[in-house]
Amino acid sequence: MSGCAPELQAAGPRIQQPELRPDAFVAADGIALPTRVWPAEGEPSAVILAVHGFNDYSNAFAAAGDYWAKRGLTTYAYDQRGFGAAPRPGIWPGEETLVADMKAIAAAVSARHPGLPLYLLGESMGGAVVMTAMTTADPPAATGLILVAPAVWGRSTMNPLYRGVLWIMSRTVPWLKLSGRGLDITPSDNIDMLIALGQDPLVIKKTRVDAIKGIVDLMDAALAAAPGLKTQSLVLYGAHDEIIPKAPTATMLESLSGPHRVVVYPEGYHMLLRDLQAETVLADVVAWIEHPTEPLPSGLDHGWKRLIDE
């Protein structure tokens, strides 16, 4: 029976003060999470903490970090537990641990840059982590949120057949690894980038069933968190996104109650920050941080419902 139980690598007991080192964040339980930094050229005007997506890792923000550094923004990114070069890749850490790690790192980054505005950027699964963290009793002190194709495909918006199959498999073969081959899903139009990801040993290629259940649990929490988001936010989505469907995304957008702006890119895919038109997206992020109420360079911050409904 123990072989049919989902495996979880939750955080351990507190043994030290969390520490932000040049190449890693060491959590309170002593686990080191590899960290990358792209310092602003000159004096930074703001700091971004970027949280990567499912099966990805901090290198996802390399091009974005370079772009933003040239425009006065310092970017931090880290490998979440169970991903990249963090311990035990492929083993799901649980929603509570992912959120706690992000909040601790946000506090450490903010302490390193006192007086500078802190923006939390979450891509896909990272967006779900940010959304969930911001509706806890003690959310990070963030100036704004940047949600890039946030993972909000919760069970309430999912095909009942998918829910049923996941329920059965997570209780019978949680250790089974699935590759996703044959699904005919295109995450980006940047083929060279996708080839590089396929060759990157730190990108997870086969996913355990219990990790799939874990990300669905997290998406449930993120979708439920949407109405409670009070921090100003910029939500970015690609009209060609084949990873997070349009219907749950529209449900999430319609439930947002706090100050927010939505941009839907007609030619965009799921991996907006690495698509062929990534510079358009990156420029919108800079413009929003600098002037959150002024028109964005892309001119696409209107009519999102029409683009999603198409």
C-alpha atoms as a PDB file:
ATOM      1  CA  MET A   1       0.000   0.000   0.000  1.00  0.00           C
ATOM      2  CA  SER A   2       2.877   2.393   0.768  1.00  0.00           C
ATOM      3  CA  GLY A   3       3.952   2.042  -2.847  1.00  0.00           C
ATOM      4  CA  CYS A   4       0.644   3.610  -3.909  1.00  0.00           C
ATOM      5  CA  ALA A   5       0.999   6.702  -1.713  1.00  0.00           C
ATOM      6  CA  PRO A   6       1.965   9.992  -3.411  1.00  0.00           C
ATOM      7  CA  GLU A   7       5.500  11.096  -2.510  1.00  0.00           C
ATOM      8  CA  LEU A   8       6.031  14.578  -1.098  1.00  0.00           C
ATOM      9  CA  GLN A   9       9.202  16.462  -0.221  1.00  0.00           C
ATOM     10  CA  ALA A  10       7.780  19.002   2.191  1.00  0.00           C
ATOM     11  CA  ALA A  11      10.051  21.431   4.026  1.00  0.00           C
ATOM     12  CA  GLY A  12      11.768  20.111   7.119  1.00  0.00           C
ATOM     13  CA  PRO A  13      12.012  21.660  10.598  1.00  0.00           C
ATOM     14  CA  ARG A  14      13.635  25.060  11.013  1.00  0.00           C
ATOM     15  CA  ILE A  15      17.354  24.756  11.803  1.00  0.00           C
ATOM     16  CA  GLN A  16      18.722  28.159  10.753  1.00  0.00           C
ATOM     17  CA  GLN A  17      17.961  31.659   9.624  1.00  0.00           C
ATOM     18  CA  PRO A  18      17.157  31.823   5.891  1.00  0.00           C
ATOM     19  CA  GLU A  19      20.107  33.191   3.918  1.00  0.00           C
ATOM     20  CA  LEU A  20      20.348  34.706   0.436  1.00  0.00           C
ATOM     21  CA  ARG A  21      23.772  33.838  -0.957  1.00  0.00           C
ATOM     22  CA  PRO A  22      25.235  34.900  -4.338  1.00  0.00           C
ATOM     23  CA  ASP A  23      24.260  31.603  -5.983  1.00  0.00           C
ATOM     24  CA  ALA A  24      21.592  30.119  -3.729  1.00  0.00           C
ATOM     25  CA  PHE A  25      18.876  30.802  -1.208  1.00  0.00           C
ATOM     26  CA  VAL A  26      19.265  28.606   1.849  1.00  0.00           C
ATOM     27  CA  ALA A  27      15.869  28.025   3.435  1.00  0.00           C
ATOM     28  CA  ALA A  28      15.138  27.734   7.138  1.00  0.00           C
ATOM     29  CA  ASP A  29      15.376  23.921   6.934  1.00  0.00           C
ATOM     30  CA  GLY A  30      18.856  24.128   5.369  1.00  0.00           C
ATOM     31  CA  ILE A  31      17.832  23.266   1.800  1.00  0.00           C
ATOM     32  CA  ALA A  32      19.719  25.283  -0.813  1.00  0.00           C
ATOM     33  CA  LEU A  33      17.732  26.510  -3.807  1.00  0.00           C
ATOM     34  CA  PRO A  34      19.988  27.622  -6.701  1.00  0.00           C
ATOM     35  CA  THR A  35      19.521  31.303  -7.461  1.00  0.00           C
ATOM     36  CA  ARG A  36      20.380  33.507 -10.441  1.00  0.00           C
ATOM     37  CA  VAL A  37      20.650  37.289 -10.462  1.00  0.00           C
ATOM     38  CA  TRP A  38      20.683  39.733 -13.370  1.00  0.00           C
ATOM     39  CA  PRO A  39      21.785  43.041 -11.804  1.00  0.00           C
ATOM     40  CA  ALA A  40      20.554  46.286 -13.300  1.00  0.00           C
ATOM     41  CA  GLU A  41      23.049  48.318 -15.247  1.00  0.00           C
ATOM     42  CA  GLY A  42      23.547  51.342 -13.036  1.00  0.00           C
ATOM     43  CA  GLU A  43      21.277  52.096 -10.108  1.00  0.00           C
ATOM     44  CA  PRO A  44      18.199  49.831 -10.157  1.00  0.00           C
ATOM     45  CA  SER A  45      14.768  51.441 -10.137  1.00  0.00           C
ATOM     46  CA  ALA A  46      12.974  48.245  -9.052  1.00  0.00           C
ATOM     47  CA  VAL A  47      13.539  44.568  -8.337  1.00  0.00           C
ATOM     48  CA  ILE A  48      11.754  41.574  -9.871  1.00  0.00           C
ATOM     49  CA  LEU A  49      11.566  38.173  -8.194  1.00  0.00           C
ATOM     50  CA  ALA A  50      10.734  35.696 -10.969  1.00  0.00           C
ATOM     51  CA  VAL A  51       9.161  32.308 -10.220  1.00  0.00           C
ATOM     52  CA  HIS A  52       9.426  29.665 -12.949  1.00  0.00           C
ATOM     53  CA  GLY A  53       6.906  27.224 -14.336  1.00  0.00           C
ATOM     54  CA  PHE A  54       6.287  23.482 -13.985  1.00  0.00           C
ATOM     55  CA  ASN A  55       9.266  21.242 -14.901  1.00  0.00           C
ATOM     56  CA  ASP A  56      11.324  24.357 -15.706  1.00  0.00           C
ATOM     57  CA  TYR A  57      13.899  26.216 -13.604  1.00  0.00           C
ATOM     58  CA  SER A  58      15.432  29.652 -13.041  1.00  0.00           C
ATOM     59  CA  ASN A  59      17.249  29.736 -16.384  1.00  0.00           C
ATOM     60  CA  ALA A  60      13.828  30.372 -17.935  1.00  0.00           C
ATOM     61  CA  PHE A  61      14.402  34.070 -17.201  1.00  0.00           C
ATOM     62  CA  ALA A  62      17.899  34.432 -18.686  1.00  0.00           C
ATOM     63  CA  ALA A  63      16.860  36.445 -21.747  1.00  0.00           C
ATOM     64  CA  ALA A  64      14.271  38.437 -19.804  1.00  0.00           C
ATOM     65  CA  GLY A  65      16.735  39.180 -17.017  1.00  0.00           C
ATOM     66  CA  ASP A  66      19.308  40.483 -19.504  1.00  0.00           C
ATOM     67  CA  TYR A  67      16.700  42.657 -21.211  1.00  0.00           C
ATOM     68  CA  TRP A  68      15.414  44.138 -17.962  1.00  0.00           C
ATOM     69  CA  ALA A  69      18.934  44.705 -16.600  1.00  0.00           C
ATOM     70  CA  LYS A  70      19.657  47.041 -19.502  1.00  0.00           C
ATOM     71  CA  ARG A  71      16.562  49.021 -18.511  1.00  0.00           C
ATOM     72  CA  GLY A  72      17.342  49.504 -14.858  1.00  0.00           C
ATOM     73  CA  LEU A  73      15.659  46.461 -13.317  1.00  0.00           C
ATOM     74  CA  THR A  74      17.371  43.815 -11.195  1.00  0.00           C
ATOM     75  CA  THR A  75      15.922  40.322 -11.555  1.00  0.00           C
ATOM     76  CA  TYR A  76      16.227  37.367  -9.184  1.00  0.00           C
ATOM     77  CA  ALA A  77      15.101  33.838 -10.026  1.00  0.00           C
ATOM     78  CA  TYR A  78      15.485  30.553  -8.161  1.00  0.00           C
ATOM     79  CA  ASP A  79      14.984  26.844  -8.722  1.00  0.00           C
ATOM     80  CA  GLN A  80      11.900  25.780  -6.787  1.00  0.00           C
ATOM     81  CA  ARG A  81      12.088  22.597  -4.761  1.00  0.00           C
ATOM     82  CA  GLY A  82      11.745  19.565  -6.972  1.00  0.00           C
ATOM     83  CA  PHE A  83      12.905  21.426 -10.091  1.00  0.00           C
ATOM     84  CA  GLY A  84      16.144  22.351 -11.845  1.00  0.00           C
ATOM     85  CA  ALA A  85      19.222  21.838  -9.692  1.00  0.00           C
ATOM     86  CA  ALA A  86      17.273  21.955  -6.431  1.00  0.00           C
ATOM     87  CA  PRO A  87      17.226  18.748  -4.363  1.00  0.00           C
ATOM     88  CA  ARG A  88      15.160  15.750  -5.481  1.00  0.00           C
ATOM     89  CA  PRO A  89      14.030  16.962  -8.906  1.00  0.00           C
ATOM     90  CA  GLY A  90      10.712  15.513  -9.982  1.00  0.00           C
ATOM     91  CA  ILE A  91       9.373  14.997  -6.454  1.00  0.00           C
ATOM     92  CA  TRP A  92       6.504  17.396  -5.718  1.00  0.00           C
ATOM     93  CA  PRO A  93       7.131  19.667  -2.692  1.00  0.00           C
ATOM     94  CA  GLY A  94       3.546  20.638  -1.988  1.00  0.00           C
ATOM     95  CA  GLU A  95       1.679  23.920  -2.236  1.00  0.00           C
ATOM     96  CA  GLU A  96       2.506  24.988   1.323  1.00  0.00           C
ATOM     97  CA  THR A  97       6.255  24.516   0.840  1.00  0.00           C
ATOM     98  CA  LEU A  98       6.334  26.251  -2.551  1.00  0.00           C
ATOM     99  CA  VAL A  99       4.485  29.244  -1.119  1.00  0.00           C
ATOM    100  CA  ALA A 100       6.616  29.387   2.029  1.00  0.00           C
ATOM    101  CA  ASP A 101       9.841  29.298  -0.004  1.00  0.00           C
ATOM    102  CA  MET A 102       8.667  32.094  -2.286  1.00  0.00           C
ATOM    103  CA  LYS A 103       7.628  34.281   0.630  1.00  0.00           C
ATOM    104  CA  ALA A 104      10.962  33.732   2.380  1.00  0.00           C
ATOM    105  CA  ILE A 105      12.959  34.551  -0.743  1.00  0.00           C
ATOM    106  CA  ALA A 106      10.840  37.646  -1.395  1.00  0.00           C
ATOM    107  CA  ALA A 107      11.593  38.857   2.126  1.00  0.00           C
ATOM    108  CA  ALA A 108      15.318  38.234   1.644  1.00  0.00           C
ATOM    109  CA  VAL A 109      15.413  40.018  -1.719  1.00  0.00           C
ATOM    110  CA  SER A 110      13.474  42.955  -0.302  1.00  0.00           C
ATOM    111  CA  ALA A 111      15.881  43.186   2.648  1.00  0.00           C
ATOM    112  CA  ARG A 112      18.835  43.263   0.259  1.00  0.00           C
ATOM    113  CA  HIS A 113      17.275  46.180  -1.665  1.00  0.00           C
ATOM    114  CA  PRO A 114      15.641  48.378   0.989  1.00  0.00           C
ATOM    115  CA  GLY A 115      13.526  51.168  -0.396  1.00  0.00           C
ATOM    116  CA  LEU A 116      13.180  49.672  -3.875  1.00  0.00           C
ATOM    117  CA  PRO A 117       9.797  48.449  -5.135  1.00  0.00           C
ATOM    118  CA  LEU A 118       9.557  44.660  -5.367  1.00  0.00           C
ATOM    119  CA  TYR A 119       7.564  42.999  -8.134  1.00  0.00           C
ATOM    120  CA  LEU A 120       6.667  39.315  -8.032  1.00  0.00           C
ATOM    121  CA  LEU A 121       6.610  37.721 -11.459  1.00  0.00           C
ATOM    122  CA  GLY A 122       5.161  34.246 -11.808  1.00  0.00           C
ATOM    123  CA  GLU A 123       5.192  32.290 -15.050  1.00  0.00           C
ATOM    124  CA  SER A 124       2.629  29.483 -15.387  1.00  0.00           C
ATOM    125  CA  MET A 125       3.043  27.396 -12.200  1.00  0.00           C
ATOM    126  CA  GLY A 126       5.033  30.273 -10.758  1.00  0.00           C
ATOM    127  CA  GLY A 127       1.995  32.485 -11.299  1.00  0.00           C
ATOM    128  CA  ALA A 128      -0.098  30.041  -9.277  1.00  0.00           C
ATOM    129  CA  VAL A 129       2.472  30.157  -6.468  1.00  0.00           C
ATOM    130  CA  VAL A 130       2.434  33.973  -6.457  1.00  0.00           C
ATOM    131  CA  MET A 131      -1.367  34.177  -6.518  1.00  0.00           C
ATOM    132  CA  THR A 132      -1.708  31.708  -3.677  1.00  0.00           C
ATOM    133  CA  ALA A 133       0.986  33.410  -1.579  1.00  0.00           C
ATOM    134  CA  MET A 134      -0.631  36.821  -1.961  1.00  0.00           C
ATOM    135  CA  THR A 135      -3.882  35.628  -0.391  1.00  0.00           C
ATOM    136  CA  THR A 136      -2.284  34.076   2.704  1.00  0.00           C
ATOM    137  CA  ALA A 137      -2.544  35.735   6.111  1.00  0.00           C
ATOM    138  CA  ASP A 138       0.951  37.241   5.737  1.00  0.00           C
ATOM    139  CA  PRO A 139       1.524  37.961   2.031  1.00  0.00           C
ATOM    140  CA  PRO A 140       4.846  39.304   0.713  1.00  0.00           C
ATOM    141  CA  ALA A 141       5.197  43.080   0.707  1.00  0.00           C
ATOM    142  CA  ALA A 142       5.072  43.408  -3.081  1.00  0.00           C
ATOM    143  CA  THR A 143       4.470  46.607  -5.018  1.00  0.00           C
ATOM    144  CA  GLY A 144       2.933  44.686  -7.904  1.00  0.00           C
ATOM    145  CA  LEU A 145       2.361  41.277  -9.466  1.00  0.00           C
ATOM    146  CA  ILE A 146       3.198  40.184 -13.010  1.00  0.00           C
ATOM    147  CA  LEU A 147       1.314  37.001 -13.880  1.00  0.00           C
ATOM    148  CA  VAL A 148       2.525  35.437 -17.120  1.00  0.00           C
ATOM    149  CA  ALA A 149       0.082  32.777 -18.372  1.00  0.00           C
ATOM    150  CA  PRO A 150      -0.728  31.844 -14.773  1.00  0.00           C
ATOM    151  CA  ALA A 151      -1.608  28.201 -14.135  1.00  0.00           C
ATOM    152  CA  VAL A 152      -5.277  28.371 -13.136  1.00  0.00           C
ATOM    153  CA  TRP A 153      -6.680  25.248 -14.811  1.00  0.00           C
ATOM    154  CA  GLY A 154      -8.372  24.061 -11.625  1.00  0.00           C
ATOM    155  CA  ARG A 155     -10.620  21.048 -11.296  1.00  0.00           C
ATOM    156  CA  SER A 156     -13.780  23.171 -11.459  1.00  0.00           C
ATOM    157  CA  THR A 157     -12.876  24.093 -15.059  1.00  0.00           C
ATOM    158  CA  MET A 158     -11.508  20.689 -16.052  1.00  0.00           C
ATOM    159  CA  ASN A 159     -13.088  17.919 -18.117  1.00  0.00           C
ATOM    160  CA  PRO A 160     -14.654  15.401 -15.647  1.00  0.00           C
ATOM    161  CA  LEU A 161     -12.874  12.581 -17.475  1.00  0.00           C
ATOM    162  CA  TYR A 162      -9.484  14.194 -16.792  1.00  0.00           C
ATOM    163  CA  ARG A 163     -10.388  14.624 -13.134  1.00  0.00           C
ATOM    164  CA  GLY A 164     -11.450  11.013 -12.841  1.00  0.00           C
ATOM    165  CA  VAL A 165      -8.367   9.574 -14.514  1.00  0.00           C
ATOM    166  CA  LEU A 166      -6.070  11.715 -12.366  1.00  0.00           C
ATOM    167  CA  TRP A 167      -7.917  10.656  -9.206  1.00  0.00           C
ATOM    168  CA  ILE A 168      -7.491   6.975 -10.026  1.00  0.00           C
ATOM    169  CA  MET A 169      -3.871   7.169 -11.188  1.00  0.00           C
ATOM    170  CA  SER A 170      -2.713   9.298  -8.258  1.00  0.00           C
ATOM    171  CA  ARG A 171      -4.029   6.586  -5.909  1.00  0.00           C
ATOM    172  CA  THR A 172      -2.731   3.574  -7.814  1.00  0.00           C
ATOM    173  CA  VAL A 173       0.428   4.525  -9.734  1.00  0.00           C
ATOM    174  CA  PRO A 174       1.646   7.867  -8.286  1.00  0.00           C
ATOM    175  CA  TRP A 175       5.216   6.911  -9.195  1.00  0.00           C
ATOM    176  CA  LEU A 176       4.441   6.436 -12.896  1.00  0.00           C
ATOM    177  CA  LYS A 177       6.229   8.925 -15.144  1.00  0.00           C
ATOM    178  CA  LEU A 178       4.482  10.404 -18.168  1.00  0.00           C
ATOM    179  CA  SER A 179       6.254  12.213 -20.995  1.00  0.00           C
ATOM    180  CA  GLY A 180       3.389  14.063 -22.678  1.00  0.00           C
ATOM    181  CA  ARG A 181       4.484  12.804 -26.093  1.00  0.00           C
ATOM    182  CA  GLY A 182       1.724  12.559 -28.648  1.00  0.00           C
ATOM    183  CA  LEU A 183      -0.372  15.331 -27.133  1.00  0.00           C
ATOM    184  CA  ASP A 184       0.367  17.628 -30.087  1.00  0.00           C
ATOM    185  CA  ILE A 185       0.766  20.723 -27.907  1.00  0.00           C
ATOM    186  CA  THR A 186       2.866  23.707 -28.994  1.00  0.00           C
ATOM    187  CA  PRO A 187       4.144  25.738 -26.015  1.00  0.00           C
ATOM    188  CA  SER A 188       5.938  28.361 -28.130  1.00  0.00           C
ATOM    189  CA  ASP A 189       6.672  29.445 -31.680  1.00  0.00           C
ATOM    190  CA  ASN A 190      10.373  29.737 -30.800  1.00  0.00           C
ATOM    191  CA  ILE A 191      11.518  26.354 -32.121  1.00  0.00           C
ATOM    192  CA  ASP A 192      15.224  26.905 -31.429  1.00  0.00           C
ATOM    193  CA  MET A 193      14.432  27.635 -27.793  1.00  0.00           C
ATOM    194  CA  LEU A 194      12.258  24.522 -27.510  1.00  0.00           C
ATOM    195  CA  ILE A 195      15.048  22.372 -28.975  1.00  0.00           C
ATOM    196  CA  ALA A 196      17.455  23.811 -26.393  1.00  0.00           C
ATOM    197  CA  LEU A 197      15.014  22.969 -23.605  1.00  0.00           C
ATOM    198  CA  GLY A 198      14.791  19.423 -24.901  1.00  0.00           C
ATOM    199  CA  GLN A 199      18.573  19.141 -24.603  1.00  0.00           C
ATOM    200  CA  ASP A 200      18.791  20.774 -21.173  1.00  0.00           C
ATOM    201  CA  PRO A 201      19.255  18.090 -18.482  1.00  0.00           C
ATOM    202  CA  LEU A 202      17.765  20.364 -15.807  1.00  0.00           C
ATOM    203  CA  VAL A 203      14.402  20.540 -17.581  1.00  0.00           C
ATOM    204  CA  ILE A 204      12.200  17.649 -16.455  1.00  0.00           C
ATOM    205  CA  LYS A 205      11.001  15.584 -19.434  1.00  0.00           C
ATOM    206  CA  LYS A 206       8.941  12.890 -17.681  1.00  0.00           C
ATOM    207  CA  THR A 207       6.546  13.809 -14.885  1.00  0.00           C
ATOM    208  CA  ARG A 208       5.378  11.644 -12.010  1.00  0.00           C
ATOM    209  CA  VAL A 209       1.631  11.236 -11.649  1.00  0.00           C
ATOM    210  CA  ASP A 210       1.740  12.516  -8.059  1.00  0.00           C
ATOM    211  CA  ALA A 211       3.478  15.689  -9.301  1.00  0.00           C
ATOM    212  CA  ILE A 212       0.672  16.170 -11.845  1.00  0.00           C
ATOM    213  CA  LYS A 213      -1.839  15.848  -9.018  1.00  0.00           C
ATOM    214  CA  GLY A 214       0.211  18.374  -7.065  1.00  0.00           C
ATOM    215  CA  ILE A 215       0.160  21.007  -9.799  1.00  0.00           C
ATOM    216  CA  VAL A 216      -3.598  20.521 -10.222  1.00  0.00           C
ATOM    217  CA  ASP A 217      -4.034  21.041  -6.467  1.00  0.00           C
ATOM    218  CA  LEU A 218      -1.992  24.240  -6.769  1.00  0.00           C
ATOM    219  CA  MET A 219      -4.057  25.428  -9.747  1.00  0.00           C
ATOM    220  CA  ASP A 220      -7.199  24.861  -7.669  1.00  0.00           C
ATOM    221  CA  ALA A 221      -5.736  27.136  -4.999  1.00  0.00           C
ATOM    222  CA  ALA A 222      -4.680  29.788  -7.509  1.00  0.00           C
ATOM    223  CA  LEU A 223      -8.078  29.937  -9.162  1.00  0.00           C
ATOM    224  CA  ALA A 224      -9.707  30.269  -5.743  1.00  0.00           C
ATOM    225  CA  ALA A 225      -7.230  33.014  -4.809  1.00  0.00           C
ATOM    226  CA  ALA A 226      -8.017  35.269  -7.780  1.00  0.00           C
ATOM    227  CA  PRO A 227     -10.948  37.177  -6.216  1.00  0.00           C
ATOM    228  CA  GLY A 228      -8.814  37.948  -3.153  1.00  0.00           C
ATOM    229  CA  LEU A 229      -5.872  39.548  -4.958  1.00  0.00           C
ATOM    230  CA  LYS A 230      -5.636  43.157  -3.796  1.00  0.00           C
ATOM    231  CA  THR A 231      -2.165  44.090  -5.071  1.00  0.00           C
ATOM    232  CA  GLN A 232      -1.994  45.800  -8.460  1.00  0.00           C
ATOM    233  CA  SER A 233      -1.290  43.229 -11.141  1.00  0.00           C
ATOM    234  CA  LEU A 234      -0.379  42.873 -14.799  1.00  0.00           C
ATOM    235  CA  VAL A 235      -1.758  39.669 -16.332  1.00  0.00           C
ATOM    236  CA  LEU A 236      -0.236  38.480 -19.617  1.00  0.00           C
ATOM    237  CA  TYR A 237      -1.649  35.713 -21.826  1.00  0.00           C
ATOM    238  CA  GLY A 238      -1.109  34.411 -25.351  1.00  0.00           C
ATOM    239  CA  ALA A 239      -4.109  33.817 -27.602  1.00  0.00           C
ATOM    240  CA  HIS A 240      -2.378  30.636 -28.853  1.00  0.00           C
ATOM    241  CA  ASP A 241      -1.731  29.243 -25.361  1.00  0.00           C
ATOM    242  CA  GLU A 242      -2.227  25.457 -25.546  1.00  0.00           C
ATOM    243  CA  ILE A 243      -1.031  24.728 -21.995  1.00  0.00           C
ATOM    244  CA  ILE A 244      -3.462  26.761 -19.881  1.00  0.00           C
ATOM    245  CA  PRO A 245      -6.793  26.804 -21.767  1.00  0.00           C
ATOM    246  CA  LYS A 246      -8.709  29.976 -22.485  1.00  0.00           C
ATOM    247  CA  ALA A 247     -11.824  29.041 -20.492  1.00  0.00           C
ATOM    248  CA  PRO A 248     -10.174  28.791 -17.043  1.00  0.00           C
ATOM    249  CA  THR A 249      -8.076  31.850 -17.824  1.00  0.00           C
ATOM    250  CA  ALA A 250     -11.230  33.825 -18.631  1.00  0.00           C
ATOM    251  CA  THR A 251     -12.852  32.549 -15.432  1.00  0.00           C
ATOM    252  CA  MET A 252      -9.852  33.777 -13.451  1.00  0.00           C
ATOM    253  CA  LEU A 253      -9.761  37.172 -15.184  1.00  0.00           C
ATOM    254  CA  GLU A 254     -13.460  37.754 -14.644  1.00  0.00           C
ATOM    255  CA  SER A 255     -13.085  37.035 -10.928  1.00  0.00           C
ATOM    256  CA  LEU A 256     -10.225  39.485 -10.297  1.00  0.00           C
ATOM    257  CA  SER A 257     -11.340  42.250  -7.972  1.00  0.00           C
ATOM    258  CA  GLY A 258      -8.145  44.180  -7.245  1.00  0.00           C
ATOM    259  CA  PRO A 259      -6.501  46.727  -9.561  1.00  0.00           C
ATOM    260  CA  HIS A 260      -5.299  44.869 -12.635  1.00  0.00           C
ATOM    261  CA  ARG A 261      -4.494  45.215 -16.310  1.00  0.00           C
ATOM    262  CA  VAL A 262      -4.792  42.390 -18.809  1.00  0.00           C
ATOM    263  CA  VAL A 263      -2.818  41.991 -22.023  1.00  0.00           C
ATOM    264  CA  VAL A 264      -3.646  39.232 -24.502  1.00  0.00           C
ATOM    265  CA  TYR A 265      -1.105  38.866 -27.306  1.00  0.00           C
ATOM    266  CA  PRO A 266      -2.812  37.688 -30.514  1.00  0.00           C
ATOM    267  CA  GLU A 267       0.358  35.918 -31.712  1.00  0.00           C
ATOM    268  CA  GLY A 268       1.489  34.773 -28.275  1.00  0.00           C
ATOM    269  CA  TYR A 269       1.875  31.220 -26.976  1.00  0.00           C
ATOM    270  CA  HIS A 270       2.289  29.911 -23.432  1.00  0.00           C
ATOM    271  CA  MET A 271       5.963  30.798 -23.112  1.00  0.00           C
ATOM    272  CA  LEU A 272       5.438  34.509 -23.702  1.00  0.00           C
ATOM    273  CA  LEU A 273       8.795  35.592 -22.281  1.00  0.00           C
ATOM    274  CA  ARG A 274      10.606  33.302 -24.756  1.00  0.00           C
ATOM    275  CA  ASP A 275       8.324  33.417 -27.806  1.00  0.00           C
ATOM    276  CA  LEU A 276       9.570  35.010 -31.006  1.00  0.00           C
ATOM    277  CA  GLN A 277       7.739  38.195 -30.018  1.00  0.00           C
ATOM    278  CA  ALA A 278       9.140  38.126 -26.470  1.00  0.00           C
ATOM    279  CA  GLU A 279      10.626  41.619 -26.717  1.00  0.00           C
ATOM    280  CA  THR A 280       7.119  43.054 -27.105  1.00  0.00           C
ATOM    281  CA  VAL A 281       6.098  41.381 -23.854  1.00  0.00           C
ATOM    282  CA  LEU A 282       9.273  42.352 -22.011  1.00  0.00           C
ATOM    283  CA  ALA A 283       8.836  45.986 -23.048  1.00  0.00           C
ATOM    284  CA  ASP A 284       5.257  45.980 -21.745  1.00  0.00           C
ATOM    285  CA  VAL A 285       6.519  44.755 -18.364  1.00  0.00           C
ATOM    286  CA  VAL A 286       9.054  47.587 -18.148  1.00  0.00           C
ATOM    287  CA  ALA A 287       6.487  50.195 -19.173  1.00  0.00           C
ATOM    288  CA  TRP A 288       3.947  48.946 -16.639  1.00  0.00           C
ATOM    289  CA  ILE A 289       6.487  49.022 -13.811  1.00  0.00           C
ATOM    290  CA  GLU A 290       7.532  52.556 -14.721  1.00  0.00           C
ATOM    291  CA  HIS A 291       4.033  53.937 -15.424  1.00  0.00           C
ATOM    292  CA  PRO A 292       1.327  51.451 -14.337  1.00  0.00           C
ATOM    293  CA  THR A 293      -1.627  53.522 -15.537  1.00  0.00           C
ATOM    294  CA  GLU A 294      -0.294  54.705 -18.909  1.00  0.00           C
ATOM    295  CA  PRO A 295      -0.801  52.900 -22.256  1.00  0.00           C
ATOM    296  CA  LEU A 296       1.581  50.015 -22.903  1.00  0.00           C
ATOM    297  CA  PRO A 297       3.954  49.977 -25.911  1.00  0.00           C
ATOM    298  CA  SER A 298       2.152  47.009 -27.468  1.00  0.00           C
ATOM    299  CA  GLY A 299      -1.212  48.781 -27.354  1.00  0.00           C
ATOM    300  CA  LEU A 300      -2.816  45.426 -26.539  1.00  0.00           C
ATOM    301  CA  ASP A 301      -4.065  46.158 -23.029  1.00  0.00           C
ATOM    302  CA  HIS A 302      -7.721  46.240 -24.060  1.00  0.00           C
ATOM    303  CA  GLY A 303     -10.283  43.888 -25.560  1.00  0.00           C
ATOM    304  CA  TRP A 304      -8.895  40.799 -23.836  1.00  0.00           C
ATOM    305  CA  LYS A 305     -12.293  39.109 -23.634  1.00  0.00           C
ATOM    306  CA  ARG A 306     -12.773  39.218 -27.387  1.00  0.00           C
ATOM    307  CA  LEU A 307      -9.354  37.676 -28.015  1.00  0.00           C
ATOM    308  CA  ILE A 308      -9.929  34.890 -25.499  1.00  0.00           C
ATOM    309  CA  ASP A 309     -13.429  34.142 -26.756  1.00  0.00           C
ATOM    310  CA  GLU A 310     -12.285  33.769 -30.364  1.00  0.00           C
END
